[in-house]
Amino acid sequence: MELQGTANLVGTGNSLNNTIVGNSGANTLRGAAGHDYLTGGVGADTAYGGTGNDTYVVTSTSDRTIELAGEGSDVVRSSVNWTLAANTERLELQGTTNLVGNGNSSNNALIGNGGTNVLRGAAGNDYIVGGAGKDTLVGGSGNDTFFFNAAFSVNNIDKITDYNPAQDTLQVENAIFTGLAAGWLAAAAFHIGNAAHDANDRIIYNSSNGDLLFDRDGTGSAAAMKFATLSPGLAVSAGDFFVV
């Protein structure tokens, strides 16, 4: 369904998997029992996904998404600063603008865009991916996972403000962190210091300043590359890192 013109209209789906597209007015879009795709367009729109696993596209901070408990696993794709409403699980920031994305009390997935983002989890066990850009990542309470999959660059160094080794996890993509076997990082591949101390070291935590480094050949000729910053003085170990 595609709403036309500029009037403030209501578009209502059926029990199938619907795509409902708003016009330039302030629309109300209602999905139903299917897995629906709801995009309001330019106006200040309100979207109800209903049951099913729904996708919302939002382009204005005046947009609203409404989900009730038990109505599926839902995602918001946002090109503006956004805070997930209750009962919505996943936020994907779009484009390259520097944006802020906030979770809710559920277990959220927060995915950054190509800009410099601030991603904040809340009370749940959150999965946070900064992506490209110098992102600030905040897990909040819960057992949070931070995933690193951006190419090594001074422009892609993320900061985790509240990493807790007692409950949180750092995941790394082995297509980027080359040479690491999938699974939990081997103890011999981790070192605390400001540089590798033998040929086996791959991930290095500088407990003095919080820097996290990847060194693809340990004490070989390749330079170590910084990919994130944690708080200094943490009890970080190989058991904090999982390779995917």
C-alpha atoms as a PDB file:
ATOM      1  CA  MET A   1       0.000   0.000   0.000  1.00  0.00           C
ATOM      2  CA  GLU A   2       1.285   3.465  -0.977  1.00  0.00           C
ATOM      3  CA  LEU A   3      -0.493   6.538   0.370  1.00  0.00           C
ATOM      4  CA  GLN A   4      -0.654   9.416  -2.102  1.00  0.00           C
ATOM      5  CA  GLY A   5      -0.799  13.207  -1.812  1.00  0.00           C
ATOM      6  CA  THR A   6      -0.194  15.362   1.253  1.00  0.00           C
ATOM      7  CA  ALA A   7      -3.247  14.703   3.441  1.00  0.00           C
ATOM      8  CA  ASN A   8      -2.881  13.072   6.854  1.00  0.00           C
ATOM      9  CA  LEU A   9      -4.024   9.528   6.077  1.00  0.00           C
ATOM     10  CA  VAL A  10      -4.453   6.147   7.753  1.00  0.00           C
ATOM     11  CA  GLY A  11      -3.143   3.017   6.049  1.00  0.00           C
ATOM     12  CA  THR A  12      -4.137  -0.372   7.471  1.00  0.00           C
ATOM     13  CA  GLY A  13      -2.769  -3.740   6.427  1.00  0.00           C
ATOM     14  CA  ASN A  14      -4.217  -7.232   6.581  1.00  0.00           C
ATOM     15  CA  SER A  15      -3.045 -10.622   7.805  1.00  0.00           C
ATOM     16  CA  LEU A  16      -0.409 -10.946   5.052  1.00  0.00           C
ATOM     17  CA  ASN A  17       3.134  -9.569   5.067  1.00  0.00           C
ATOM     18  CA  ASN A  18       2.426  -5.963   4.114  1.00  0.00           C
ATOM     19  CA  THR A  19       4.505  -3.027   2.904  1.00  0.00           C
ATOM     20  CA  ILE A  20       2.815   0.239   3.849  1.00  0.00           C
ATOM     21  CA  VAL A  21       4.349   3.494   2.585  1.00  0.00           C
ATOM     22  CA  GLY A  22       3.186   6.879   3.811  1.00  0.00           C
ATOM     23  CA  ASN A  23       2.916  10.145   1.902  1.00  0.00           C
ATOM     24  CA  SER A  24       4.249  13.557   2.954  1.00  0.00           C
ATOM     25  CA  GLY A  25       1.504  14.046   5.535  1.00  0.00           C
ATOM     26  CA  ALA A  26       1.358  12.923   9.154  1.00  0.00           C
ATOM     27  CA  ASN A  27       0.211   9.358   8.612  1.00  0.00           C
ATOM     28  CA  THR A  28      -0.959   6.533  10.823  1.00  0.00           C
ATOM     29  CA  LEU A  29       0.236   3.165   9.523  1.00  0.00           C
ATOM     30  CA  ARG A  30      -1.154  -0.049  10.958  1.00  0.00           C
ATOM     31  CA  GLY A  31       0.219  -3.491  10.259  1.00  0.00           C
ATOM     32  CA  ALA A  32      -1.645  -6.570  11.378  1.00  0.00           C
ATOM     33  CA  ALA A  33      -0.759 -10.251  11.717  1.00  0.00           C
ATOM     34  CA  GLY A  34       2.023 -10.413   9.124  1.00  0.00           C
ATOM     35  CA  HIS A  35       5.691  -9.436   9.056  1.00  0.00           C
ATOM     36  CA  ASP A  36       5.179  -5.851   7.953  1.00  0.00           C
ATOM     37  CA  TYR A  37       7.414  -3.123   6.507  1.00  0.00           C
ATOM     38  CA  LEU A  38       6.219   0.335   7.535  1.00  0.00           C
ATOM     39  CA  THR A  39       7.789   3.557   6.247  1.00  0.00           C
ATOM     40  CA  GLY A  40       6.049   6.814   6.962  1.00  0.00           C
ATOM     41  CA  GLY A  41       7.886   9.217   4.716  1.00  0.00           C
ATOM     42  CA  VAL A  42       8.383  12.912   5.410  1.00  0.00           C
ATOM     43  CA  GLY A  43       5.678  13.690   7.982  1.00  0.00           C
ATOM     44  CA  ALA A  44       5.415  13.031  11.710  1.00  0.00           C
ATOM     45  CA  ASP A  45       4.061   9.504  11.428  1.00  0.00           C
ATOM     46  CA  THR A  46       2.776   6.912  13.886  1.00  0.00           C
ATOM     47  CA  ALA A  47       3.238   3.248  13.021  1.00  0.00           C
ATOM     48  CA  TYR A  48       1.734   0.176  14.684  1.00  0.00           C
ATOM     49  CA  GLY A  49       3.364  -3.064  13.606  1.00  0.00           C
ATOM     50  CA  GLY A  50       0.943  -5.464  15.216  1.00  0.00           C
ATOM     51  CA  THR A  51       1.909  -9.102  15.560  1.00  0.00           C
ATOM     52  CA  GLY A  52       4.713 -10.481  13.426  1.00  0.00           C
ATOM     53  CA  ASN A  53       8.331  -9.435  12.986  1.00  0.00           C
ATOM     54  CA  ASP A  54       8.010  -5.889  11.732  1.00  0.00           C
ATOM     55  CA  THR A  55      10.405  -3.356  10.220  1.00  0.00           C
ATOM     56  CA  TYR A  56       9.953   0.370  10.715  1.00  0.00           C
ATOM     57  CA  VAL A  57      11.740   3.043   8.667  1.00  0.00           C
ATOM     58  CA  VAL A  58      11.866   6.406  10.456  1.00  0.00           C
ATOM     59  CA  THR A  59      13.127   9.705   9.051  1.00  0.00           C
ATOM     60  CA  SER A  60      11.954  12.186  11.691  1.00  0.00           C
ATOM     61  CA  THR A  61      12.400  12.370  15.452  1.00  0.00           C
ATOM     62  CA  SER A  62       8.665  13.126  15.534  1.00  0.00           C
ATOM     63  CA  ASP A  63       7.839   9.647  14.220  1.00  0.00           C
ATOM     64  CA  ARG A  64       6.464   7.064  16.650  1.00  0.00           C
ATOM     65  CA  THR A  65       6.592   3.272  16.607  1.00  0.00           C
ATOM     66  CA  ILE A  66       4.242   1.275  18.794  1.00  0.00           C
ATOM     67  CA  GLU A  67       4.607  -2.402  19.679  1.00  0.00           C
ATOM     68  CA  LEU A  68       2.934  -4.398  22.424  1.00  0.00           C
ATOM     69  CA  ALA A  69       4.545  -7.182  24.417  1.00  0.00           C
ATOM     70  CA  GLY A  70       4.701 -10.498  22.596  1.00  0.00           C
ATOM     71  CA  GLU A  71       4.204  -9.004  19.128  1.00  0.00           C
ATOM     72  CA  GLY A  72       7.317 -10.453  17.534  1.00  0.00           C
ATOM     73  CA  SER A  73      10.911  -9.336  17.044  1.00  0.00           C
ATOM     74  CA  ASP A  74      10.989  -5.878  15.517  1.00  0.00           C
ATOM     75  CA  VAL A  75      13.570  -3.548  13.977  1.00  0.00           C
ATOM     76  CA  VAL A  76      13.766   0.205  13.461  1.00  0.00           C
ATOM     77  CA  ARG A  77      15.913   1.585  10.630  1.00  0.00           C
ATOM     78  CA  SER A  78      16.582   5.215  11.427  1.00  0.00           C
ATOM     79  CA  SER A  79      18.318   8.092   9.649  1.00  0.00           C
ATOM     80  CA  VAL A  80      17.812  10.348  12.706  1.00  0.00           C
ATOM     81  CA  ASN A  81      18.672  10.155  16.404  1.00  0.00           C
ATOM     82  CA  TRP A  82      16.469   7.445  17.857  1.00  0.00           C
ATOM     83  CA  THR A  83      15.482   5.753  21.108  1.00  0.00           C
ATOM     84  CA  LEU A  84      13.793   2.377  20.815  1.00  0.00           C
ATOM     85  CA  ALA A  85      10.248   2.327  22.147  1.00  0.00           C
ATOM     86  CA  ALA A  86       9.152  -0.486  24.441  1.00  0.00           C
ATOM     87  CA  ASN A  87       8.913  -3.984  22.954  1.00  0.00           C
ATOM     88  CA  THR A  88      11.148  -3.148  19.968  1.00  0.00           C
ATOM     89  CA  GLU A  89      14.393  -5.095  19.888  1.00  0.00           C
ATOM     90  CA  ARG A  90      16.726  -3.857  17.158  1.00  0.00           C
ATOM     91  CA  LEU A  91      17.940  -0.450  15.956  1.00  0.00           C
ATOM     92  CA  GLU A  92      19.893   0.012  12.714  1.00  0.00           C
ATOM     93  CA  LEU A  93      21.199   3.518  12.034  1.00  0.00           C
ATOM     94  CA  GLN A  94      21.256   4.428   8.352  1.00  0.00           C
ATOM     95  CA  GLY A  95      23.549   6.620   6.223  1.00  0.00           C
ATOM     96  CA  THR A  96      26.713   8.409   7.353  1.00  0.00           C
ATOM     97  CA  THR A  97      25.343  11.180   9.589  1.00  0.00           C
ATOM     98  CA  ASN A  98      26.652  11.274  13.164  1.00  0.00           C
ATOM     99  CA  LEU A  99      23.721   9.857  15.146  1.00  0.00           C
ATOM    100  CA  VAL A 100      22.739   8.770  18.643  1.00  0.00           C
ATOM    101  CA  GLY A 101      20.943   5.460  19.142  1.00  0.00           C
ATOM    102  CA  ASN A 102      19.464   4.389  22.477  1.00  0.00           C
ATOM    103  CA  GLY A 103      18.076   1.059  23.541  1.00  0.00           C
ATOM    104  CA  ASN A 104      15.281   0.201  25.946  1.00  0.00           C
ATOM    105  CA  SER A 105      14.887  -2.268  28.803  1.00  0.00           C
ATOM    106  CA  SER A 106      14.769  -5.290  26.464  1.00  0.00           C
ATOM    107  CA  ASN A 107      17.721  -7.231  25.058  1.00  0.00           C
ATOM    108  CA  ASN A 108      18.610  -4.945  22.157  1.00  0.00           C
ATOM    109  CA  ALA A 109      20.823  -5.016  19.093  1.00  0.00           C
ATOM    110  CA  LEU A 110      22.149  -1.530  18.317  1.00  0.00           C
ATOM    111  CA  ILE A 111      23.910  -1.185  14.965  1.00  0.00           C
ATOM    112  CA  GLY A 112      25.779   1.983  13.995  1.00  0.00           C
ATOM    113  CA  ASN A 113      26.088   3.535  10.560  1.00  0.00           C
ATOM    114  CA  GLY A 114      29.114   4.986   8.754  1.00  0.00           C
ATOM    115  CA  GLY A 115      29.226   8.086  10.951  1.00  0.00           C
ATOM    116  CA  THR A 116      30.471   8.788  14.456  1.00  0.00           C
ATOM    117  CA  ASN A 117      27.729   7.356  16.627  1.00  0.00           C
ATOM    118  CA  VAL A 118      26.820   7.172  20.277  1.00  0.00           C
ATOM    119  CA  LEU A 119      25.118   3.840  20.985  1.00  0.00           C
ATOM    120  CA  ARG A 120      23.671   3.304  24.441  1.00  0.00           C
ATOM    121  CA  GLY A 121      22.206   0.082  25.723  1.00  0.00           C
ATOM    122  CA  ALA A 122      20.072   0.050  28.828  1.00  0.00           C
ATOM    123  CA  ALA A 123      18.888  -2.665  31.202  1.00  0.00           C
ATOM    124  CA  GLY A 124      19.007  -5.654  28.851  1.00  0.00           C
ATOM    125  CA  ASN A 125      21.732  -7.937  27.530  1.00  0.00           C
ATOM    126  CA  ASP A 126      22.642  -5.852  24.503  1.00  0.00           C
ATOM    127  CA  TYR A 127      24.570  -6.497  21.294  1.00  0.00           C
ATOM    128  CA  ILE A 128      26.289  -3.312  20.125  1.00  0.00           C
ATOM    129  CA  VAL A 129      28.086  -2.783  16.810  1.00  0.00           C
ATOM    130  CA  GLY A 130      29.638   0.601  16.131  1.00  0.00           C
ATOM    131  CA  GLY A 131      30.788  -0.211  12.604  1.00  0.00           C
ATOM    132  CA  ALA A 132      32.784   2.455  10.808  1.00  0.00           C
ATOM    133  CA  GLY A 133      33.469   5.741  12.579  1.00  0.00           C
ATOM    134  CA  LYS A 134      34.801   6.784  15.986  1.00  0.00           C
ATOM    135  CA  ASP A 135      31.890   5.531  18.022  1.00  0.00           C
ATOM    136  CA  THR A 136      31.114   5.758  21.714  1.00  0.00           C
ATOM    137  CA  LEU A 137      29.526   2.560  23.011  1.00  0.00           C
ATOM    138  CA  VAL A 138      27.683   2.246  26.310  1.00  0.00           C
ATOM    139  CA  GLY A 139      26.367  -1.135  27.344  1.00  0.00           C
ATOM    140  CA  GLY A 140      24.397  -0.147  30.420  1.00  0.00           C
ATOM    141  CA  SER A 141      23.467  -2.860  32.875  1.00  0.00           C
ATOM    142  CA  GLY A 142      23.206  -6.449  31.716  1.00  0.00           C
ATOM    143  CA  ASN A 143      25.614  -8.825  29.987  1.00  0.00           C
ATOM    144  CA  ASP A 144      26.527  -6.879  26.879  1.00  0.00           C
ATOM    145  CA  THR A 145      28.437  -7.867  23.746  1.00  0.00           C
ATOM    146  CA  PHE A 146      30.456  -5.390  21.688  1.00  0.00           C
ATOM    147  CA  PHE A 147      31.278  -6.488  18.140  1.00  0.00           C
ATOM    148  CA  PHE A 148      34.165  -5.085  16.078  1.00  0.00           C
ATOM    149  CA  ASN A 149      33.963  -5.577  12.312  1.00  0.00           C
ATOM    150  CA  ALA A 150      35.253  -2.299  10.849  1.00  0.00           C
ATOM    151  CA  ALA A 151      38.500  -2.032   8.888  1.00  0.00           C
ATOM    152  CA  PHE A 152      41.497  -0.872  10.895  1.00  0.00           C
ATOM    153  CA  SER A 153      41.796   2.908  10.684  1.00  0.00           C
ATOM    154  CA  VAL A 154      42.419   5.853  12.984  1.00  0.00           C
ATOM    155  CA  ASN A 155      38.890   6.866  11.971  1.00  0.00           C
ATOM    156  CA  ASN A 156      37.351   3.604  13.221  1.00  0.00           C
ATOM    157  CA  ILE A 157      38.544   3.474  16.832  1.00  0.00           C
ATOM    158  CA  ASP A 158      35.619   2.990  19.208  1.00  0.00           C
ATOM    159  CA  LYS A 159      35.415   3.841  22.903  1.00  0.00           C
ATOM    160  CA  ILE A 160      33.530   1.625  25.344  1.00  0.00           C
ATOM    161  CA  THR A 161      32.740   3.674  28.419  1.00  0.00           C
ATOM    162  CA  ASP A 162      31.528   0.966  30.803  1.00  0.00           C
ATOM    163  CA  TYR A 163      33.083  -2.350  29.790  1.00  0.00           C
ATOM    164  CA  ASN A 164      32.862  -4.846  32.656  1.00  0.00           C
ATOM    165  CA  PRO A 165      35.018  -7.981  32.291  1.00  0.00           C
ATOM    166  CA  ALA A 166      32.862  -9.769  34.853  1.00  0.00           C
ATOM    167  CA  GLN A 167      29.831  -9.791  32.567  1.00  0.00           C
ATOM    168  CA  ASP A 168      30.522  -8.285  29.117  1.00  0.00           C
ATOM    169  CA  THR A 169      32.125  -9.770  25.982  1.00  0.00           C
ATOM    170  CA  LEU A 170      34.209  -8.387  23.113  1.00  0.00           C
ATOM    171  CA  GLN A 171      33.570 -10.046  19.747  1.00  0.00           C
ATOM    172  CA  VAL A 172      35.892  -9.613  16.765  1.00  0.00           C
ATOM    173  CA  GLU A 173      35.376 -10.511  13.107  1.00  0.00           C
ATOM    174  CA  ASN A 174      38.093 -12.870  11.875  1.00  0.00           C
ATOM    175  CA  ALA A 175      37.809 -11.504   8.337  1.00  0.00           C
ATOM    176  CA  ILE A 176      39.273  -8.295   9.825  1.00  0.00           C
ATOM    177  CA  PHE A 177      41.262  -9.754  12.709  1.00  0.00           C
ATOM    178  CA  THR A 178      43.036 -12.150  10.379  1.00  0.00           C
ATOM    179  CA  GLY A 179      44.715 -15.287  11.624  1.00  0.00           C
ATOM    180  CA  LEU A 180      42.512 -15.772  14.678  1.00  0.00           C
ATOM    181  CA  ALA A 181      40.701 -19.078  15.003  1.00  0.00           C
ATOM    182  CA  ALA A 182      36.957 -18.914  15.572  1.00  0.00           C
ATOM    183  CA  GLY A 183      35.824 -19.267  19.166  1.00  0.00           C
ATOM    184  CA  TRP A 184      37.226 -17.977  22.406  1.00  0.00           C
ATOM    185  CA  LEU A 185      40.620 -16.337  22.055  1.00  0.00           C
ATOM    186  CA  ALA A 186      43.552 -18.568  22.962  1.00  0.00           C
ATOM    187  CA  ALA A 187      45.278 -17.490  26.160  1.00  0.00           C
ATOM    188  CA  ALA A 188      48.638 -17.349  24.366  1.00  0.00           C
ATOM    189  CA  ALA A 189      47.227 -14.830  21.876  1.00  0.00           C
ATOM    190  CA  PHE A 190      46.466 -12.230  24.566  1.00  0.00           C
ATOM    191  CA  HIS A 191      48.870  -9.914  26.359  1.00  0.00           C
ATOM    192  CA  ILE A 192      48.619  -7.036  28.796  1.00  0.00           C
ATOM    193  CA  GLY A 193      51.137  -4.329  27.973  1.00  0.00           C
ATOM    194  CA  ASN A 194      51.846  -1.622  25.433  1.00  0.00           C
ATOM    195  CA  ALA A 195      53.129  -4.003  22.733  1.00  0.00           C
ATOM    196  CA  ALA A 196      53.425  -7.693  21.898  1.00  0.00           C
ATOM    197  CA  HIS A 197      55.975  -9.560  23.978  1.00  0.00           C
ATOM    198  CA  ASP A 198      56.253 -12.715  21.831  1.00  0.00           C
ATOM    199  CA  ALA A 199      55.324 -14.049  18.398  1.00  0.00           C
ATOM    200  CA  ASN A 200      51.981 -15.464  19.596  1.00  0.00           C
ATOM    201  CA  ASP A 201      50.452 -12.231  20.855  1.00  0.00           C
ATOM    202  CA  ARG A 202      47.573 -10.920  18.764  1.00  0.00           C
ATOM    203  CA  ILE A 203      45.305  -8.850  21.005  1.00  0.00           C
ATOM    204  CA  ILE A 204      46.923  -6.503  23.476  1.00  0.00           C
ATOM    205  CA  TYR A 205      45.301  -4.536  26.293  1.00  0.00           C
ATOM    206  CA  ASN A 206      47.266  -1.573  27.609  1.00  0.00           C
ATOM    207  CA  SER A 207      46.059  -1.393  31.191  1.00  0.00           C
ATOM    208  CA  SER A 208      47.708   2.005  31.654  1.00  0.00           C
ATOM    209  CA  ASN A 209      45.547   3.856  29.122  1.00  0.00           C
ATOM    210  CA  GLY A 210      42.856   1.343  28.105  1.00  0.00           C
ATOM    211  CA  ASP A 211      43.981   0.892  24.489  1.00  0.00           C
ATOM    212  CA  LEU A 212      43.074  -2.324  22.673  1.00  0.00           C
ATOM    213  CA  LEU A 213      45.464  -3.311  19.878  1.00  0.00           C
ATOM    214  CA  PHE A 214      45.578  -6.029  17.251  1.00  0.00           C
ATOM    215  CA  ASP A 215      48.986  -7.265  16.113  1.00  0.00           C
ATOM    216  CA  ARG A 216      48.790  -9.778  13.281  1.00  0.00           C
ATOM    217  CA  ASP A 217      52.329 -11.089  13.780  1.00  0.00           C
ATOM    218  CA  GLY A 218      53.160 -10.455  17.431  1.00  0.00           C
ATOM    219  CA  THR A 219      56.753  -9.315  17.718  1.00  0.00           C
ATOM    220  CA  GLY A 220      57.156  -9.445  13.925  1.00  0.00           C
ATOM    221  CA  SER A 221      57.603  -6.443  11.654  1.00  0.00           C
ATOM    222  CA  ALA A 222      53.910  -5.562  11.216  1.00  0.00           C
ATOM    223  CA  ALA A 223      52.694  -2.647  13.306  1.00  0.00           C
ATOM    224  CA  ALA A 224      50.023  -3.144  15.948  1.00  0.00           C
ATOM    225  CA  MET A 225      46.713  -1.438  15.138  1.00  0.00           C
ATOM    226  CA  LYS A 226      44.476   0.206  17.718  1.00  0.00           C
ATOM    227  CA  PHE A 227      40.788  -0.646  17.369  1.00  0.00           C
ATOM    228  CA  ALA A 228      39.178   0.401  20.644  1.00  0.00           C
ATOM    229  CA  THR A 229      39.633   2.017  24.029  1.00  0.00           C
ATOM    230  CA  LEU A 230      38.376   0.676  27.345  1.00  0.00           C
ATOM    231  CA  SER A 231      38.793   2.119  30.796  1.00  0.00           C
ATOM    232  CA  PRO A 232      42.320   1.590  32.155  1.00  0.00           C
ATOM    233  CA  GLY A 233      43.068  -0.859  34.923  1.00  0.00           C
ATOM    234  CA  LEU A 234      40.451  -3.479  34.072  1.00  0.00           C
ATOM    235  CA  ALA A 235      40.900  -7.206  34.705  1.00  0.00           C
ATOM    236  CA  VAL A 236      40.742  -8.007  30.978  1.00  0.00           C
ATOM    237  CA  SER A 237      41.837 -11.483  29.834  1.00  0.00           C
ATOM    238  CA  ALA A 238      41.698 -13.731  26.779  1.00  0.00           C
ATOM    239  CA  GLY A 239      38.337 -14.927  28.085  1.00  0.00           C
ATOM    240  CA  ASP A 240      36.814 -11.551  27.215  1.00  0.00           C
ATOM    241  CA  PHE A 241      37.319 -12.086  23.470  1.00  0.00           C
ATOM    242  CA  PHE A 242      35.275 -14.237  21.111  1.00  0.00           C
ATOM    243  CA  VAL A 243      36.207 -14.583  17.427  1.00  0.00           C
ATOM    244  CA  VAL A 244      33.431 -15.004  14.852  1.00  0.00           C
END
